[in-house]
Protein backbone atom coordinates (compact mmCIF):
# COMPACT_ATOMS: atom_id res chain seq x y z
CA MET A 1 -18.40 22.88 -49.12
CA THR A 2 -18.73 26.08 -47.06
CA LYS A 3 -15.77 28.04 -45.75
CA LEU A 4 -16.52 26.86 -42.19
CA GLU A 5 -16.57 23.22 -43.29
CA THR A 6 -13.24 23.75 -45.07
CA ILE A 7 -11.70 25.15 -41.89
CA LEU A 8 -13.06 22.27 -39.80
CA GLU A 9 -11.70 19.74 -42.28
CA LYS A 10 -8.23 21.30 -42.13
CA ILE A 11 -8.29 21.16 -38.33
CA GLU A 12 -9.49 17.54 -38.31
CA ASN A 13 -6.68 16.51 -40.69
CA LYS A 14 -3.94 18.05 -38.55
CA LYS A 15 -1.63 15.59 -36.80
CA ILE A 16 -1.50 16.56 -33.13
CA THR A 17 0.13 14.41 -30.45
CA ILE A 18 -1.29 14.13 -26.96
CA ALA A 19 1.62 16.11 -25.54
CA GLU A 20 1.17 18.86 -28.15
CA TRP A 21 -2.56 19.04 -27.38
CA LEU A 22 -1.86 19.46 -23.67
CA LEU A 23 0.79 22.12 -24.24
CA GLY A 24 -1.53 24.10 -26.51
CA PHE A 25 -4.39 23.69 -24.04
CA THR A 26 -2.20 24.88 -21.14
CA GLY A 27 -1.09 27.96 -23.06
CA ILE A 28 -4.70 28.98 -23.75
CA ILE A 29 -5.70 28.43 -20.10
CA LEU A 30 -2.82 30.56 -18.80
CA VAL A 31 -3.85 33.42 -21.07
CA ARG A 32 -7.46 33.08 -19.87
CA PHE A 33 -6.12 33.11 -16.31
CA ILE A 34 -4.59 36.56 -16.82
CA PHE A 35 -7.80 38.01 -18.28
CA GLU A 36 -9.88 36.58 -15.44
CA SER A 37 -7.42 37.94 -12.86
CA LEU A 38 -7.88 41.43 -14.31
CA SER A 39 -11.67 41.19 -14.32
CA SER A 40 -12.46 39.12 -11.23
CA SER A 41 -10.63 39.55 -7.90
CA THR A 42 -10.51 36.85 -5.22
CA ASN A 43 -12.33 37.12 -1.88
CA SER A 44 -9.04 37.80 -0.10
CA GLY A 45 -7.90 40.27 -2.73
CA VAL A 46 -4.68 38.30 -3.31
CA ILE A 47 -3.52 38.01 -6.92
CA PRO A 48 -4.51 34.45 -7.91
CA SER A 49 -1.07 33.58 -9.29
CA ASP A 50 -0.46 30.73 -6.84
CA ILE A 51 -0.13 27.13 -7.94
CA TYR A 52 -3.31 26.18 -6.04
CA THR A 53 -5.54 28.38 -8.19
CA ILE A 54 -3.67 27.68 -11.42
CA ILE A 55 -3.98 23.89 -11.13
CA HIS A 56 -7.62 24.17 -10.02
CA THR A 57 -8.44 26.39 -13.02
CA TRP A 58 -6.46 24.18 -15.41
CA LEU A 59 -8.27 21.06 -14.22
CA TYR A 60 -11.69 22.74 -14.42
CA PHE A 61 -11.26 23.65 -18.08
CA LEU A 62 -9.69 20.25 -18.82
CA VAL A 63 -12.76 18.50 -17.46
CA ILE A 64 -15.01 20.77 -19.54
CA ALA A 65 -12.96 20.08 -22.70
CA LEU A 66 -12.88 16.31 -22.14
CA GLY A 67 -16.54 16.15 -21.15
CA LEU A 68 -17.66 18.06 -24.23
CA SER A 69 -15.45 15.82 -26.37
CA LEU A 70 -17.25 12.76 -25.03
CA ILE A 71 -20.70 14.30 -25.46
CA VAL A 72 -20.16 15.64 -28.97
CA GLY A 73 -18.17 12.55 -29.91
CA TYR A 74 -21.10 10.37 -28.91
CA PHE A 75 -23.32 12.11 -31.43
CA THR A 76 -20.75 12.43 -34.23
CA LYS A 77 -18.54 9.35 -33.61
CA LYS A 78 -15.53 11.59 -34.31
CA TYR A 79 -13.86 11.68 -30.90
CA SER A 80 -10.36 12.44 -32.15
CA SER A 81 -11.59 15.22 -34.45
CA ILE A 82 -13.63 16.96 -31.78
CA LEU A 83 -10.60 17.10 -29.49
CA LYS A 84 -8.70 19.01 -32.17
CA ILE A 85 -11.64 21.33 -32.88
CA ILE A 86 -12.07 22.08 -29.18
CA LEU A 87 -8.37 22.96 -28.92
CA PHE A 88 -8.56 25.42 -31.83
CA GLY A 89 -11.86 26.83 -30.60
CA LEU A 90 -10.74 27.14 -26.98
CA PRO A 91 -9.56 30.79 -27.24
CA ILE A 92 -13.29 31.59 -27.08
CA ILE A 93 -12.89 31.34 -23.28
CA TRP A 94 -10.87 34.56 -23.38
CA LEU A 95 -14.06 36.43 -24.30
CA GLY A 96 -15.83 36.09 -20.93
CA PRO A 97 -13.58 38.24 -18.75
CA ILE A 98 -12.79 40.64 -21.62
CA ILE A 99 -16.52 41.32 -22.19
CA ASP A 100 -16.99 41.82 -18.44
CA ILE A 101 -14.21 44.43 -18.36
CA VAL A 102 -15.73 46.27 -21.31
CA ILE A 103 -19.34 46.21 -20.04
CA SER A 104 -18.31 47.29 -16.53
CA LEU A 105 -16.08 50.08 -17.92
CA GLY A 106 -12.96 48.51 -16.44
CA LYS A 107 -14.32 47.49 -13.02
CA GLY A 108 -14.92 43.86 -13.93
CA TYR A 109 -17.38 41.38 -12.48
CA LYS A 110 -16.91 38.51 -10.05
CA ILE A 111 -16.62 35.19 -11.93
CA ALA A 112 -17.25 32.42 -9.41
CA TYR A 113 -19.01 29.12 -8.86
CA ILE A 114 -22.73 29.43 -8.28
CA GLN A 115 -23.36 28.54 -4.63
CA ASP A 116 -27.13 28.27 -4.63
CA THR A 117 -28.67 25.13 -3.18
CA GLY A 118 -31.76 22.95 -3.36
CA ASN A 119 -34.63 24.35 -5.43
CA LEU A 120 -32.61 27.42 -6.37
CA LEU A 121 -30.32 25.18 -8.42
CA LEU A 122 -33.34 24.19 -10.54
CA ARG A 123 -34.19 27.86 -10.99
CA ASP A 124 -30.60 28.60 -12.03
CA PHE A 125 -30.63 25.72 -14.49
CA PHE A 126 -33.79 26.82 -16.27
CA THR A 127 -32.79 30.51 -16.32
CA PHE A 128 -29.33 29.94 -17.83
CA PHE A 129 -27.32 30.26 -14.58
CA GLY A 130 -29.73 32.36 -12.53
CA PRO A 131 -30.61 36.04 -12.01
CA ASN A 132 -27.21 37.40 -10.88
CA PHE A 133 -25.21 38.72 -13.84
CA THR A 134 -22.41 40.45 -11.92
CA ASN A 135 -21.41 37.71 -9.46
CA GLY A 136 -21.09 34.04 -10.47
CA ALA A 137 -22.04 33.50 -14.11
CA THR A 138 -21.38 37.04 -15.34
CA TYR A 139 -22.53 38.75 -18.54
CA GLY A 140 -19.33 37.84 -20.33
CA LEU A 141 -19.31 34.27 -19.08
CA ARG A 142 -22.86 33.65 -20.30
CA ILE A 143 -22.06 35.05 -23.72
CA GLU A 144 -18.96 32.85 -23.86
CA MET A 145 -20.94 29.73 -22.90
CA ALA A 146 -23.75 30.57 -25.30
CA ILE A 147 -21.22 30.73 -28.15
CA ILE A 148 -19.79 27.35 -27.10
CA LEU A 149 -23.25 25.74 -26.98
CA ILE A 150 -24.19 27.20 -30.36
CA GLY A 151 -20.92 25.80 -31.72
CA VAL A 152 -21.81 22.36 -30.35
CA GLY A 153 -25.21 22.45 -32.04
CA LEU A 154 -23.84 23.65 -35.38
CA TYR A 155 -21.07 21.04 -35.41
CA VAL A 156 -23.42 18.15 -34.69
CA TRP A 157 -25.84 19.51 -37.30
CA SER A 158 -23.08 19.80 -39.93
CA LEU A 159 -22.35 16.08 -39.58
CA ARG A 160 -25.68 14.49 -38.67
CA LYS A 161 -28.18 16.83 -40.37
CA ASN A 162 -30.61 15.97 -37.59
CA ILE A 163 -32.18 18.83 -35.65
CA TRP A 164 -33.20 16.66 -32.68
CA GLN A 165 -29.74 15.21 -32.22
CA SER A 166 -28.28 18.71 -32.45
CA VAL A 167 -30.69 20.05 -29.83
CA LEU A 168 -30.10 17.06 -27.55
CA ALA A 169 -26.32 17.51 -27.83
CA VAL A 170 -26.72 21.16 -26.79
CA ILE A 171 -28.99 20.28 -23.84
CA ILE A 172 -26.63 17.59 -22.54
CA SER A 173 -23.61 19.87 -23.01
CA TYR A 174 -25.35 22.69 -21.14
CA THR A 175 -26.34 20.33 -18.32
CA PHE A 176 -22.75 19.12 -18.01
CA ILE A 177 -21.31 22.65 -17.95
CA PHE A 178 -23.97 23.76 -15.45
CA LEU A 179 -23.22 20.89 -13.06
CA SER A 180 -19.51 21.69 -13.26
CA PHE A 181 -20.27 25.32 -12.42
CA VAL A 182 -22.42 24.65 -9.34
CA VAL A 183 -20.17 22.12 -7.57
CA PRO A 184 -20.12 23.89 -4.14
CA GLY A 185 -23.91 24.21 -4.00
CA LEU A 186 -24.25 20.67 -5.31
CA ILE A 187 -21.97 19.33 -2.54
CA TYR A 188 -24.06 21.11 0.09
CA THR A 189 -27.34 19.92 -1.41
CA LEU A 190 -26.28 16.28 -1.69
CA THR A 191 -24.98 16.23 1.91
CA HIS A 192 -28.09 17.96 3.31
CA LEU A 193 -30.88 16.03 1.58
CA SER A 194 -33.21 16.42 4.57
CA SER A 195 -32.91 20.23 4.38
CA PRO A 196 -31.12 21.06 1.11
CA ASP A 197 -32.07 24.76 0.93
CA GLY A 198 -29.24 26.79 2.43
CA THR A 199 -27.89 30.27 1.94
CA VAL A 200 -24.62 31.13 0.24
CA ALA A 201 -23.17 31.76 3.70
CA ASP A 202 -24.25 28.25 4.76
CA VAL A 203 -22.46 26.77 1.75
CA VAL A 204 -19.27 28.74 2.42
CA ARG A 205 -19.22 27.74 6.09
CA TYR A 206 -19.93 24.10 5.32
CA ILE A 207 -17.25 23.81 2.64
CA ALA A 208 -14.71 25.50 4.92
CA LYS A 209 -15.68 23.17 7.78
CA ILE A 210 -15.21 19.94 5.84
CA ILE A 211 -11.91 21.19 4.43
CA PHE A 212 -10.41 22.16 7.80
CA GLU A 213 -11.59 18.88 9.35
CA SER A 214 -10.13 16.74 6.57
CA ASN A 215 -6.64 15.65 5.57
CA ILE A 216 -6.65 18.45 2.99
CA ALA A 217 -5.82 20.92 5.77
CA HIS A 218 -2.60 19.39 7.10
CA ASN A 219 -1.53 18.20 3.63
CA THR A 220 -2.03 21.66 2.11
CA PHE A 221 -1.16 24.27 4.74
CA ARG A 222 2.25 24.88 6.26
CA ASP A 223 3.32 26.36 9.62
CA GLY A 224 4.98 29.14 7.65
CA LEU A 225 1.55 30.21 6.38
CA SER A 226 0.27 31.05 9.86
CA TYR A 227 0.33 34.76 9.01
CA VAL A 228 -2.11 34.19 6.12
CA SER A 229 -5.72 35.19 6.75
CA LEU A 230 -8.32 32.52 7.44
CA SER A 231 -10.17 33.45 4.26
CA ARG A 232 -7.01 32.91 2.22
CA LEU A 233 -6.46 29.51 3.83
CA ALA A 234 -10.06 28.63 3.00
CA GLU A 235 -9.45 29.65 -0.63
CA MET A 236 -6.38 27.40 -0.81
CA GLY A 237 -8.27 24.48 0.71
CA PHE A 238 -11.17 25.07 -1.66
CA ASP A 239 -8.77 25.01 -4.63
CA LYS A 240 -7.39 21.67 -3.40
CA LEU A 241 -10.85 20.15 -2.88
CA LEU A 242 -12.06 21.18 -6.34
CA SER A 243 -8.74 20.08 -7.85
CA GLN A 244 -9.29 16.60 -6.41
CA ILE A 245 -12.83 16.39 -7.81
CA PHE A 246 -11.80 17.59 -11.26
CA PHE A 247 -8.61 15.51 -11.28
CA ILE A 248 -10.51 12.28 -10.68
CA SER A 249 -13.12 13.31 -13.26
CA SER A 250 -10.45 14.14 -15.85
CA VAL A 251 -8.76 10.75 -15.41
CA ILE A 252 -12.08 8.96 -15.95
CA PHE A 253 -12.97 11.10 -18.97
CA SER A 254 -9.49 10.66 -20.47
CA GLY A 255 -9.73 6.88 -20.15
CA LEU A 256 -13.15 6.87 -21.81
CA LEU A 257 -11.88 9.07 -24.66
CA PHE A 258 -8.81 6.91 -25.23
CA TRP A 259 -11.07 3.85 -25.33
CA ARG A 260 -13.44 5.46 -27.83
CA ILE A 261 -10.63 6.77 -30.06
CA ASP A 262 -8.66 3.51 -30.26
CA SER A 263 -9.83 0.60 -28.11
CA LYS A 264 -7.07 -1.70 -29.42
CA LYS A 265 -4.28 0.59 -28.24
CA PHE A 266 -6.15 1.34 -25.01
CA LEU A 267 -6.32 -2.38 -24.18
CA ALA A 268 -2.66 -2.81 -25.17
CA VAL A 269 -1.61 -0.12 -22.67
CA ILE A 270 -3.74 -1.66 -19.90
CA LYS A 271 -2.45 -5.19 -20.58
CA ASN A 272 1.11 -3.86 -20.54
CA SER A 273 0.69 -2.30 -17.10
CA ARG A 274 2.19 -5.27 -15.19
CA PRO A 275 -0.80 -5.19 -12.82
CA GLU A 276 0.88 -7.31 -10.14
CA ARG A 277 3.66 -4.74 -9.77
CA ALA A 278 1.24 -1.82 -9.86
CA VAL A 279 -0.74 -3.45 -7.05
CA PHE A 280 2.55 -4.07 -5.19
CA PHE A 281 3.37 -0.36 -5.09
CA LEU A 282 -0.21 0.57 -4.18
CA CYS A 283 0.01 -1.90 -1.30
CA LEU A 284 3.17 -0.17 -0.10
CA VAL A 285 1.30 3.15 -0.06
CA GLY A 286 -1.44 1.38 1.88
CA VAL A 287 1.10 0.00 4.37
CA GLY A 288 2.25 3.56 5.04
CA VAL A 289 -1.34 4.66 5.62
CA VAL A 290 -2.02 1.78 8.02
CA TYR A 291 1.27 2.34 9.88
CA ALA A 292 0.47 6.02 10.49
CA TYR A 293 -3.05 5.09 11.59
CA ALA A 294 -1.73 2.38 13.93
CA ARG A 295 0.59 4.90 15.57
CA ASP A 296 -2.40 7.20 16.06
CA LEU A 297 -0.79 9.97 14.00
CA GLY A 298 -3.88 10.61 11.86
CA ARG A 299 -6.87 8.99 10.22
CA LEU A 300 -9.38 9.10 7.39
CA SER A 301 -12.27 11.01 8.93
CA SER A 302 -14.57 11.95 6.04
CA LEU A 303 -15.62 11.26 2.47
CA ILE A 304 -13.37 14.17 1.47
CA ASP A 305 -10.41 12.13 2.71
CA ILE A 306 -11.45 9.28 0.43
CA LEU A 307 -11.17 11.70 -2.50
CA SER A 308 -7.63 12.54 -1.42
CA LEU A 309 -6.76 8.86 -1.09
CA VAL A 310 -8.14 8.14 -4.59
CA CYS A 311 -5.96 10.97 -5.96
CA LEU A 312 -2.94 9.43 -4.24
CA ALA A 313 -3.71 5.98 -5.63
CA LEU A 314 -4.20 7.33 -9.16
CA ALA A 315 -0.97 9.32 -8.89
CA TRP A 316 1.02 6.28 -7.82
CA THR A 317 -0.50 4.09 -10.50
CA SER A 318 0.38 6.75 -13.07
CA ALA A 319 3.94 7.05 -11.77
CA TRP A 320 4.28 3.30 -12.16
CA MET A 321 2.85 3.43 -15.69
CA HIS A 322 5.34 6.18 -16.56
CA ALA A 323 8.14 3.91 -15.31
CA VAL A 324 6.75 1.08 -17.48
CA HIS A 325 6.85 3.25 -20.59
CA ILE A 326 10.41 4.43 -19.86
CA ASN A 327 11.49 0.83 -19.42
CA ASP A 328 9.78 -0.26 -22.65
CA LEU A 329 11.55 2.48 -24.61
CA GLU A 330 14.96 1.46 -23.29
CA ASP A 331 14.53 -2.34 -23.35
CA VAL A 332 13.18 -2.96 -26.84
CA GLU A 333 15.94 -5.41 -27.78
CA ILE A 334 15.70 -7.24 -24.45
CA ASP A 335 11.91 -7.49 -24.74
CA LYS A 336 12.24 -9.06 -28.20
CA ILE A 337 13.81 -12.03 -26.41
CA SER A 338 12.14 -12.07 -22.97
CA ASN A 339 8.84 -10.23 -23.48
CA SER A 340 7.81 -10.62 -27.09
CA LYS A 341 4.17 -9.77 -26.32
CA ARG A 342 4.92 -6.19 -25.29
CA PRO A 343 2.91 -3.75 -27.51
CA LEU A 344 6.01 -1.85 -28.64
CA VAL A 345 7.70 -5.07 -29.74
CA GLN A 346 4.56 -6.25 -31.53
CA GLY A 347 4.11 -2.89 -33.23
CA VAL A 348 0.66 -2.27 -31.72
CA ILE A 349 1.95 1.06 -30.40
CA SER A 350 4.67 3.09 -32.11
CA LEU A 351 7.78 4.51 -30.47
CA ASP A 352 6.43 8.07 -30.61
CA GLU A 353 3.10 6.96 -29.14
CA VAL A 354 4.86 5.26 -26.22
CA LYS A 355 6.77 8.50 -25.56
CA ASN A 356 3.60 10.60 -25.65
CA ILE A 357 1.62 8.21 -23.48
CA GLY A 358 4.53 8.25 -21.03
CA TYR A 359 4.32 12.06 -20.85
CA ILE A 360 0.62 11.80 -20.06
CA TRP A 361 1.22 9.36 -17.23
CA LEU A 362 3.90 11.72 -15.91
CA ALA A 363 1.48 14.67 -15.93
CA VAL A 364 -1.25 12.62 -14.23
CA ALA A 365 1.23 11.49 -11.56
CA PHE A 366 2.34 15.04 -10.78
CA VAL A 367 -1.13 16.58 -10.70
CA GLY A 368 -2.59 13.68 -8.70
CA ALA A 369 0.18 13.76 -6.11
CA TRP A 370 -0.13 17.55 -5.83
CA SER A 371 -3.86 17.18 -5.26
CA ALA A 372 -3.17 14.69 -2.46
CA GLY A 373 -0.63 16.89 -0.64
CA PHE A 374 2.88 18.30 -0.37
CA ALA A 375 4.51 15.16 1.06
CA PRO A 376 3.07 12.79 -1.58
CA PHE A 377 4.16 15.27 -4.28
CA TYR A 378 7.74 15.23 -3.04
CA MET A 379 7.73 11.45 -2.67
CA ILE A 380 6.45 10.97 -6.22
CA LEU A 381 9.27 13.21 -7.49
CA VAL A 382 11.73 10.80 -5.87
CA PHE A 383 9.82 7.78 -7.19
CA ILE A 384 9.92 9.09 -10.76
CA SER A 385 13.57 10.12 -10.43
CA ALA A 386 14.48 6.65 -9.20
CA SER A 387 12.64 4.98 -12.09
CA PHE A 388 14.36 7.29 -14.58
CA ILE A 389 17.92 6.74 -13.39
CA TYR A 390 17.15 3.02 -13.13
CA SER A 391 16.03 2.60 -16.75
CA SER A 392 17.31 5.51 -18.81
CA LYS A 393 20.58 6.83 -20.11
CA PRO A 394 23.01 8.29 -19.29
CA LEU A 395 23.05 6.49 -15.90
CA ARG A 396 20.89 3.42 -16.62
CA LEU A 397 21.77 1.91 -13.25
CA ARG A 398 19.70 -1.12 -14.15
CA VAL A 399 22.85 -2.70 -15.64
CA PHE A 400 24.61 -2.91 -12.25
CA PRO A 401 23.82 -5.83 -9.92
CA ILE A 402 22.63 -4.99 -6.38
CA LEU A 403 22.67 -1.25 -7.16
CA SER A 404 19.71 -1.68 -9.52
CA SER A 405 17.72 -3.41 -6.78
CA PHE A 406 18.74 -0.70 -4.30
CA ILE A 407 17.34 1.98 -6.63
CA ILE A 408 14.00 0.17 -6.74
CA SER A 409 14.07 -0.17 -2.95
CA ILE A 410 14.19 3.63 -2.81
CA ALA A 411 10.99 3.72 -4.87
CA CYS A 412 9.50 1.22 -2.39
CA LEU A 413 10.52 3.36 0.59
CA VAL A 414 9.05 6.59 -0.77
CA SER A 415 5.82 4.71 -1.59
CA VAL A 416 5.49 3.78 2.08
CA LEU A 417 6.45 7.32 3.14
CA ALA A 418 3.86 8.84 0.79
CA GLY A 419 1.06 6.89 2.46
CA PHE A 420 2.48 7.53 5.93
CA PHE A 421 2.83 11.31 5.62
CA PHE A 422 -0.47 11.59 3.76
CA ILE A 423 -2.16 10.41 6.97
CA SER A 424 0.28 11.66 9.61
CA LEU A 425 -0.40 15.05 11.19
CA ASP A 426 3.27 15.11 12.19
CA LYS A 427 5.19 16.02 9.03
CA ARG A 428 8.66 15.75 10.59
CA MET A 429 10.83 13.03 9.03
CA SER A 430 11.55 11.77 12.53
CA ALA A 431 7.89 10.71 12.78
CA PHE A 432 8.83 7.71 10.63
CA PRO A 433 11.57 5.68 12.38
CA ALA A 434 14.95 5.98 10.63
CA PHE A 435 15.74 2.37 11.60
CA LEU A 436 12.66 1.22 9.72
CA SER A 437 13.59 3.37 6.71
CA ILE A 438 17.02 1.72 6.46
CA GLY A 439 15.38 -1.63 7.03
CA THR A 440 12.94 -1.01 4.18
CA LEU A 441 15.85 -0.31 1.83
CA ILE A 442 17.66 -3.49 2.88
CA ILE A 443 14.54 -5.66 2.76
CA PHE A 444 13.49 -4.61 -0.73
CA THR A 445 17.04 -4.63 -2.10
CA LEU A 446 16.95 -8.34 -1.27
CA ILE A 447 13.36 -9.14 -2.24
CA ILE A 448 13.13 -7.17 -5.47
CA ASN A 449 15.66 -9.36 -7.31
CA ILE A 450 12.71 -11.54 -8.33
CA LYS A 451 11.98 -8.90 -11.00
CA ASP A 452 15.00 -10.08 -13.02
CA MET A 453 14.09 -13.77 -13.15
CA LYS A 454 11.84 -13.71 -16.22
CA ASP A 455 14.18 -11.29 -18.07
CA ALA A 456 17.31 -13.41 -17.58
CA GLU A 457 17.74 -14.44 -21.24
CA GLY A 458 17.26 -10.92 -22.57
CA ASP A 459 19.52 -9.40 -19.91
CA LYS A 460 22.23 -11.93 -20.69
CA ALA A 461 22.06 -11.12 -24.41
CA ASP A 462 22.37 -7.40 -23.61
CA ASP A 463 25.23 -8.01 -21.14
CA ILE A 464 23.24 -6.73 -18.14
CA GLN A 465 24.49 -8.13 -14.86
CA THR A 466 21.76 -9.30 -12.49
CA LEU A 467 21.65 -12.10 -9.92
CA PRO A 468 19.92 -14.46 -12.40
CA THR A 469 22.55 -13.83 -15.11
CA ILE A 470 25.42 -14.12 -12.60
CA PHE A 471 24.26 -17.37 -10.98
CA GLY A 472 22.94 -18.99 -14.16
CA GLU A 473 21.43 -22.40 -13.39
CA ASN A 474 21.42 -21.61 -9.67
CA ALA A 475 19.62 -18.30 -10.17
CA GLY A 476 16.38 -19.56 -8.59
CA LYS A 477 18.16 -20.64 -5.41
CA ALA A 478 20.10 -17.38 -5.10
CA VAL A 479 17.07 -15.15 -5.68
CA GLY A 480 14.93 -17.42 -3.48
CA LEU A 481 17.39 -17.08 -0.60
CA CYS A 482 17.40 -13.29 -0.99
CA PHE A 483 13.61 -13.25 -0.96
CA ALA A 484 13.42 -15.47 2.14
CA LEU A 485 16.01 -13.39 4.00
CA GLY A 486 14.20 -10.16 3.11
CA VAL A 487 10.89 -11.48 4.43
CA LEU A 488 12.51 -12.69 7.65
CA LEU A 489 14.01 -9.24 8.25
CA ILE A 490 10.60 -7.51 8.16
CA PRO A 491 9.57 -8.32 11.79
CA PHE A 492 13.10 -7.43 12.97
CA PHE A 493 13.18 -3.94 11.47
CA MET A 494 9.56 -3.30 12.48
CA SER A 495 10.45 -4.41 16.04
CA PHE A 496 7.25 -6.44 15.93
CA TYR A 497 8.51 -9.97 16.34
CA ILE A 498 5.13 -11.66 16.48
CA PHE A 499 5.04 -11.16 12.69
CA TYR A 500 7.41 -14.14 12.49
CA ILE A 501 4.22 -16.21 12.77
CA THR A 502 3.47 -15.22 9.18
CA ALA A 503 7.01 -14.36 7.97
CA ILE A 504 8.60 -17.79 8.52
CA PRO A 505 6.11 -19.86 6.47
CA ILE A 506 6.02 -17.19 3.73
CA ALA A 507 9.83 -17.22 3.53
CA ILE A 508 9.92 -21.01 3.16
CA ILE A 509 7.11 -21.13 0.59
CA GLY A 510 8.62 -18.19 -1.31
CA TYR A 511 11.99 -19.91 -1.59
CA ARG A 512 10.38 -23.06 -2.96
CA ILE A 513 8.28 -21.12 -5.51
CA ILE A 514 11.23 -19.07 -6.77
CA SER A 515 13.74 -21.93 -6.94
CA ARG A 516 11.33 -24.21 -8.78
CA LYS A 517 11.36 -24.30 -12.58
CA PRO A 518 9.67 -22.87 -14.53
CA PHE A 519 9.57 -19.63 -12.56
CA VAL A 520 6.12 -17.96 -12.46
CA GLU A 521 6.37 -14.36 -11.23
CA LYS A 522 2.64 -14.01 -10.58
CA ASN A 523 2.80 -16.69 -7.87
CA VAL A 524 5.34 -14.63 -5.92
CA PHE A 525 3.10 -11.55 -5.99
CA ILE A 526 0.14 -13.63 -4.83
CA LEU A 527 2.27 -14.96 -1.98
CA GLY A 528 3.30 -11.42 -1.07
CA LEU A 529 -0.33 -10.32 -0.99
CA VAL A 530 -1.16 -13.29 1.25
CA PHE A 531 1.68 -12.24 3.58
CA LEU A 532 0.44 -8.66 3.69
CA LEU A 533 -3.18 -9.59 4.36
CA SER A 534 -2.34 -12.23 6.96
CA SER A 535 0.01 -9.82 8.74
CA LEU A 536 -2.64 -7.10 8.74
CA LEU A 537 -5.17 -9.60 10.10
CA LEU A 538 -2.76 -10.64 12.83
CA PHE A 539 -2.06 -7.01 13.69
CA GLY A 540 -5.78 -6.20 13.69
CA VAL A 541 -6.55 -9.05 16.11
CA LEU A 542 -3.75 -7.97 18.45
CA PHE A 543 -4.83 -4.34 18.23
CA TRP A 544 -8.43 -5.30 19.06
CA LEU A 545 -7.33 -7.46 21.99
CA ALA A 546 -5.16 -4.66 23.37
CA LYS A 547 -8.04 -2.17 23.16
CA THR A 548 -10.46 -4.66 24.70
CA LEU A 549 -8.22 -5.65 27.62
CA ILE A 550 -7.28 -2.07 28.38
C-alpha cells in the first residue's frame, strides 16, 4: 500500500457528521474568499464582504463539491468516502488566487464567470476555458482545476484500475465544472437560440435586464440602498440569481447523494415528513401569493420568478422538516405510544442522526429563504422560532392547551405573509390587512386542534393538556366544532362573504369527519385542499366575470 493510499484510507475511515462536514467546508470557503478578494476585485470596486457574495460563493463551491461527489461516486460506488476526501482536499482551492497574486507580482487577475456565448462556448470548452488567462478562468484558477481533475482521475484509477473509466470520470467532471463556470453565457445562449452569439456586453445587459424586471429586484434591494451605484445593484442582483440556481442544484444533488449513501434512511426521512402537513404550509404560502396577485400588488412575470418561487417552496418545506425533527427528538416517549412507526422509535435513524439531519434542514431553510428575499427570510425566522418554542425545552409550549394551537397559528400567519410579501411590491406591513392577520390567528388557533387527535393517548400518558385529552370521549365533537367555526370565520375575516358558498358545506362535512370514530387525519387535509381549490375556483370565476363585464 502506497503512502497516498494510506492517507486516503485514514480519511475514509474518519467519522464525520453532516454538520461537521458543512462547518469544515464553510471554513475552507471563507479562507478562499479572502484570497480571492485580495487577487480579484469586483466591477464596482467594493470589497466583496457582503452576505450576497458570500452566500453565492458558498453555494457555488457546494454545488461543485456535491456534483463531483456524485460523479466520482458513480464510478467508485464510494459516495460517503468521496465526500470526506473532497473535504480534506478542498484547501486546493486556495491555490488559484494565490498563484495569480504571485504570477502578477501582486496585482492579481480577475476571476469571474466566463460570459462567452454560442459557438464561443464550444471553443472555450475545447481549449480549457478559452484564450483569456487574466480575466475569467485565470492562470491560477486553471492550475487549481487541473490539479482537481488529475486528482479525480488518480482516485478512480486507484480503485477501479481501469484507464477508460478514469478518463471518462475526468471528462465528465471537467464538463460539469465548465458548465458551472459559464452560467451567464449559458443563460444568454439558451434564451437566444435563434441568435445565440452575443458579446460580453450583450450578456451583461441581458442578465441585468431580467434581474431588474423580476421579483429579485424588489425582494433584494431596499430604499436605503438608493445611493448605491447601478453597477453595484446589478452585482447584488446577479449574486441572488446565481444563488437561486446553485441553491436549487445543491438541494437536488444533496438528495441524490443521501439516496446513494443510504437509501433506507433516505426513505425513512421522506416517509416521516408528514406530507399532508407539509403541503398544508405550502398551500398557505400559495394563498399569500394569490392574495397579493389578486390585489394587483405584484405578479410572476418571468422564468426567473419561478426560480425564486421554487427557492421559497424548498425553504418552507425544509423549515417544516426541521420542525418535524425537533418534535421527534422531544416526543420519543409519546411516539412510542401514538406513532410507533416513526424512524427514531423504530431505530432506523439514531438520535444523533436526527439532530444532524435537523441542522441540515435548518441550513436549507435559511439559505433558501434568503435566496427568495428579505421578507421570506424574516418570516422563516419567525416560523422556525415558533416551531422551536412549541416543541422544545425550556418553554415547550406544546403542553399548554389553546396556547399551543396559537403558536402554530403564528407559523400559519407568517407562511401566508411570506408568500404575500414575496409577490407584493409594497413591503409595508400595512399592505396586508391587520384585521385579516388577527383573523388568521383566530381561525388557525381553532382549526389546528385536529393535530392533537391522533396523539391523544401519548399526550395523556405524558400529561400534556390538549382538547382531545381534556374532553376525552367527546374530543371529536369538541375539535370538530372548533374546526367548523374556524372555517366559517374565513369569509368573515376576508370580508368576502360569497365564500360561504364553499365554507358552509366544508364546515358541516369537516365536523362529521372529525367527530366520527376512528379519526383519520388524512381525510381532514383532503377536505381542506378541496375547500382551498373550490374557493380559488369560485374566486377565479368571479374575477373573470368582473374583468369581462367591466
